[in-house]
Amino acid sequence: MMPYYWTPTTQQQQMPQVPPQVIPGARQPGREQSFIENIFRLNRGKPGTFHFSFEHAVEPGKNTKIVRGVVEAAGRDHVILRELKSNHRFLFPMIYFDFAEYDEEMAYFNQNP
């Protein structure tokens, strides 16, 4: 019977080394995935217009927010925007993000395989 804890006297079996397989469409090491937060990071500091909508607004007709600004930071579930005219900062959960419009060409990932 094998103990449930490791002791120096326990022999560990060596698993054979198998070279990694390349799976078509799978994420390759060092290659960024094109999630929205990664695209925001690529375009950090570029001016744009960001649209958000909220399902449960407190006041009727107040279920959208448009921010004219730049992305300061982006995470998996949020984005931090700085409004251009007032330097006011917003933290928005990504679930409310609708779309973005940039004033200049957007940076995007290399599309070559």
C-alpha atoms as a PDB file:
ATOM      1  CA  MET A   1       0.000   0.000   0.000  1.00  0.00           C
ATOM      2  CA  MET A   2       1.257   3.462  -0.964  1.00  0.00           C
ATOM      3  CA  PRO A   3       1.273   6.200   1.701  1.00  0.00           C
ATOM      4  CA  TYR A   4      -0.788   9.344   1.011  1.00  0.00           C
ATOM      5  CA  TYR A   5       2.119  11.606   1.831  1.00  0.00           C
ATOM      6  CA  TRP A   6       5.595  11.901   0.408  1.00  0.00           C
ATOM      7  CA  THR A   7       8.506  10.419   2.281  1.00  0.00           C
ATOM      8  CA  PRO A   8      12.139  10.289   1.182  1.00  0.00           C
ATOM      9  CA  THR A   9      11.953   6.487   0.963  1.00  0.00           C
ATOM     10  CA  THR A  10       9.068   6.532  -1.545  1.00  0.00           C
ATOM     11  CA  GLN A  11      10.257   5.805  -5.088  1.00  0.00           C
ATOM     12  CA  GLN A  12       8.807   8.132  -7.698  1.00  0.00           C
ATOM     13  CA  GLN A  13       8.319   6.843 -11.210  1.00  0.00           C
ATOM     14  CA  GLN A  14       9.687   8.893 -14.104  1.00  0.00           C
ATOM     15  CA  MET A  15       7.114   9.751 -16.741  1.00  0.00           C
ATOM     16  CA  PRO A  16       8.406   9.583 -20.328  1.00  0.00           C
ATOM     17  CA  GLN A  17       8.951  12.993 -21.924  1.00  0.00           C
ATOM     18  CA  VAL A  18       6.537  13.500 -24.813  1.00  0.00           C
ATOM     19  CA  PRO A  19       7.147  16.432 -27.169  1.00  0.00           C
ATOM     20  CA  PRO A  20       4.279  18.962 -27.166  1.00  0.00           C
ATOM     21  CA  GLN A  21       1.816  18.623 -30.018  1.00  0.00           C
ATOM     22  CA  VAL A  22       0.704  21.618 -32.050  1.00  0.00           C
ATOM     23  CA  ILE A  23      -3.080  21.682 -32.146  1.00  0.00           C
ATOM     24  CA  PRO A  24      -4.586  23.784 -34.958  1.00  0.00           C
ATOM     25  CA  GLY A  25      -6.390  26.814 -33.541  1.00  0.00           C
ATOM     26  CA  ALA A  26      -4.874  26.367 -30.075  1.00  0.00           C
ATOM     27  CA  ARG A  27      -3.025  29.190 -28.351  1.00  0.00           C
ATOM     28  CA  GLN A  28       0.664  29.082 -29.200  1.00  0.00           C
ATOM     29  CA  PRO A  29       3.222  29.985 -26.512  1.00  0.00           C
ATOM     30  CA  GLY A  30       4.146  33.666 -26.736  1.00  0.00           C
ATOM     31  CA  ARG A  31       1.187  34.480 -28.957  1.00  0.00           C
ATOM     32  CA  GLU A  32      -1.407  36.811 -27.465  1.00  0.00           C
ATOM     33  CA  GLN A  33      -5.093  35.925 -27.725  1.00  0.00           C
ATOM     34  CA  SER A  34      -7.471  38.476 -29.184  1.00  0.00           C
ATOM     35  CA  PHE A  35      -9.664  39.080 -26.161  1.00  0.00           C
ATOM     36  CA  ILE A  36     -11.065  42.577 -25.719  1.00  0.00           C
ATOM     37  CA  GLU A  37      -8.864  43.353 -22.710  1.00  0.00           C
ATOM     38  CA  ASN A  38      -5.746  42.471 -24.728  1.00  0.00           C
ATOM     39  CA  ILE A  39      -6.863  44.722 -27.591  1.00  0.00           C
ATOM     40  CA  PHE A  40      -7.458  47.521 -25.067  1.00  0.00           C
ATOM     41  CA  ARG A  41      -3.899  47.050 -23.759  1.00  0.00           C
ATOM     42  CA  LEU A  42      -2.461  47.222 -27.286  1.00  0.00           C
ATOM     43  CA  ASN A  43      -4.257  50.533 -27.829  1.00  0.00           C
ATOM     44  CA  ARG A  44      -3.567  52.048 -24.405  1.00  0.00           C
ATOM     45  CA  GLY A  45      -3.353  55.845 -24.571  1.00  0.00           C
ATOM     46  CA  LYS A  46      -5.060  56.195 -27.975  1.00  0.00           C
ATOM     47  CA  PRO A  47      -8.098  58.503 -27.945  1.00  0.00           C
ATOM     48  CA  GLY A  48     -11.460  56.911 -28.578  1.00  0.00           C
ATOM     49  CA  THR A  49     -15.131  56.778 -27.720  1.00  0.00           C
ATOM     50  CA  PHE A  50     -16.258  53.919 -25.483  1.00  0.00           C
ATOM     51  CA  HIS A  51     -19.880  52.823 -25.226  1.00  0.00           C
ATOM     52  CA  PHE A  52     -21.413  51.028 -22.251  1.00  0.00           C
ATOM     53  CA  SER A  53     -24.977  50.005 -21.460  1.00  0.00           C
ATOM     54  CA  PHE A  54     -26.589  48.945 -18.208  1.00  0.00           C
ATOM     55  CA  GLU A  55     -29.631  46.716 -17.995  1.00  0.00           C
ATOM     56  CA  HIS A  56     -30.856  47.942 -14.614  1.00  0.00           C
ATOM     57  CA  ALA A  57     -30.717  51.730 -14.645  1.00  0.00           C
ATOM     58  CA  VAL A  58     -31.896  53.671 -11.582  1.00  0.00           C
ATOM     59  CA  GLU A  59     -33.514  56.383 -13.699  1.00  0.00           C
ATOM     60  CA  PRO A  60     -35.380  55.749 -16.957  1.00  0.00           C
ATOM     61  CA  GLY A  61     -33.295  56.617 -20.009  1.00  0.00           C
ATOM     62  CA  LYS A  62     -30.017  56.483 -18.043  1.00  0.00           C
ATOM     63  CA  ASN A  63     -28.973  53.014 -19.127  1.00  0.00           C
ATOM     64  CA  THR A  64     -26.065  54.063 -21.380  1.00  0.00           C
ATOM     65  CA  LYS A  65     -22.749  55.804 -20.785  1.00  0.00           C
ATOM     66  CA  ILE A  66     -20.426  57.126 -23.471  1.00  0.00           C
ATOM     67  CA  VAL A  67     -16.895  58.071 -22.457  1.00  0.00           C
ATOM     68  CA  ARG A  68     -14.588  60.056 -24.705  1.00  0.00           C
ATOM     69  CA  GLY A  69     -11.134  59.167 -23.442  1.00  0.00           C
ATOM     70  CA  VAL A  70      -8.204  56.761 -23.367  1.00  0.00           C
ATOM     71  CA  VAL A  71      -7.638  53.331 -21.855  1.00  0.00           C
ATOM     72  CA  GLU A  72      -5.298  53.518 -18.869  1.00  0.00           C
ATOM     73  CA  ALA A  73      -5.483  49.829 -17.939  1.00  0.00           C
ATOM     74  CA  ALA A  74      -7.498  46.733 -18.731  1.00  0.00           C
ATOM     75  CA  GLY A  75      -7.970  43.447 -16.946  1.00  0.00           C
ATOM     76  CA  ARG A  76      -9.903  40.307 -17.690  1.00  0.00           C
ATOM     77  CA  ASP A  77     -13.154  41.716 -16.292  1.00  0.00           C
ATOM     78  CA  HIS A  78     -12.678  45.500 -16.209  1.00  0.00           C
ATOM     79  CA  VAL A  79     -11.285  48.547 -17.992  1.00  0.00           C
ATOM     80  CA  ILE A  80     -10.030  51.828 -16.536  1.00  0.00           C
ATOM     81  CA  LEU A  81     -10.737  54.844 -18.758  1.00  0.00           C
ATOM     82  CA  ARG A  82      -9.583  58.444 -18.376  1.00  0.00           C
ATOM     83  CA  GLU A  83     -11.914  61.047 -19.826  1.00  0.00           C
ATOM     84  CA  LEU A  84      -9.972  63.474 -22.038  1.00  0.00           C
ATOM     85  CA  LYS A  85     -11.609  66.789 -21.178  1.00  0.00           C
ATOM     86  CA  SER A  86     -11.856  66.380 -17.399  1.00  0.00           C
ATOM     87  CA  ASN A  87      -9.199  63.741 -16.553  1.00  0.00           C
ATOM     88  CA  HIS A  88     -11.993  61.965 -14.657  1.00  0.00           C
ATOM     89  CA  ARG A  89     -11.325  58.218 -14.333  1.00  0.00           C
ATOM     90  CA  PHE A  90     -13.862  55.423 -14.696  1.00  0.00           C
ATOM     91  CA  LEU A  91     -13.662  51.763 -13.753  1.00  0.00           C
ATOM     92  CA  PHE A  92     -16.141  49.764 -15.836  1.00  0.00           C
ATOM     93  CA  PRO A  93     -16.831  46.047 -15.564  1.00  0.00           C
ATOM     94  CA  MET A  94     -16.438  44.477 -19.037  1.00  0.00           C
ATOM     95  CA  ILE A  95     -19.942  43.015 -18.884  1.00  0.00           C
ATOM     96  CA  TYR A  96     -21.268  46.535 -19.614  1.00  0.00           C
ATOM     97  CA  PHE A  97     -18.939  47.202 -22.580  1.00  0.00           C
ATOM     98  CA  ASP A  98     -20.677  47.470 -25.961  1.00  0.00           C
ATOM     99  CA  PHE A  99     -18.110  48.795 -28.431  1.00  0.00           C
ATOM    100  CA  ALA A 100     -15.284  51.292 -28.965  1.00  0.00           C
ATOM    101  CA  GLU A 101     -14.474  53.760 -31.731  1.00  0.00           C
ATOM    102  CA  TYR A 102     -10.883  54.950 -32.126  1.00  0.00           C
ATOM    103  CA  ASP A 103      -9.812  58.175 -33.838  1.00  0.00           C
ATOM    104  CA  GLU A 104      -6.740  56.589 -35.393  1.00  0.00           C
ATOM    105  CA  GLU A 105      -5.695  53.177 -36.654  1.00  0.00           C
ATOM    106  CA  MET A 106      -5.969  50.497 -34.006  1.00  0.00           C
ATOM    107  CA  ALA A 107      -3.136  48.183 -33.083  1.00  0.00           C
ATOM    108  CA  TYR A 108      -4.028  44.510 -33.410  1.00  0.00           C
ATOM    109  CA  PHE A 109      -2.265  41.169 -33.257  1.00  0.00           C
ATOM    110  CA  ASN A 110      -0.216  39.776 -36.118  1.00  0.00           C
ATOM    111  CA  GLN A 111      -2.619  37.659 -38.152  1.00  0.00           C
ATOM    112  CA  ASN A 112       0.090  35.460 -39.682  1.00  0.00           C
ATOM    113  CA  PRO A 113       0.048  31.889 -38.352  1.00  0.00           C
END
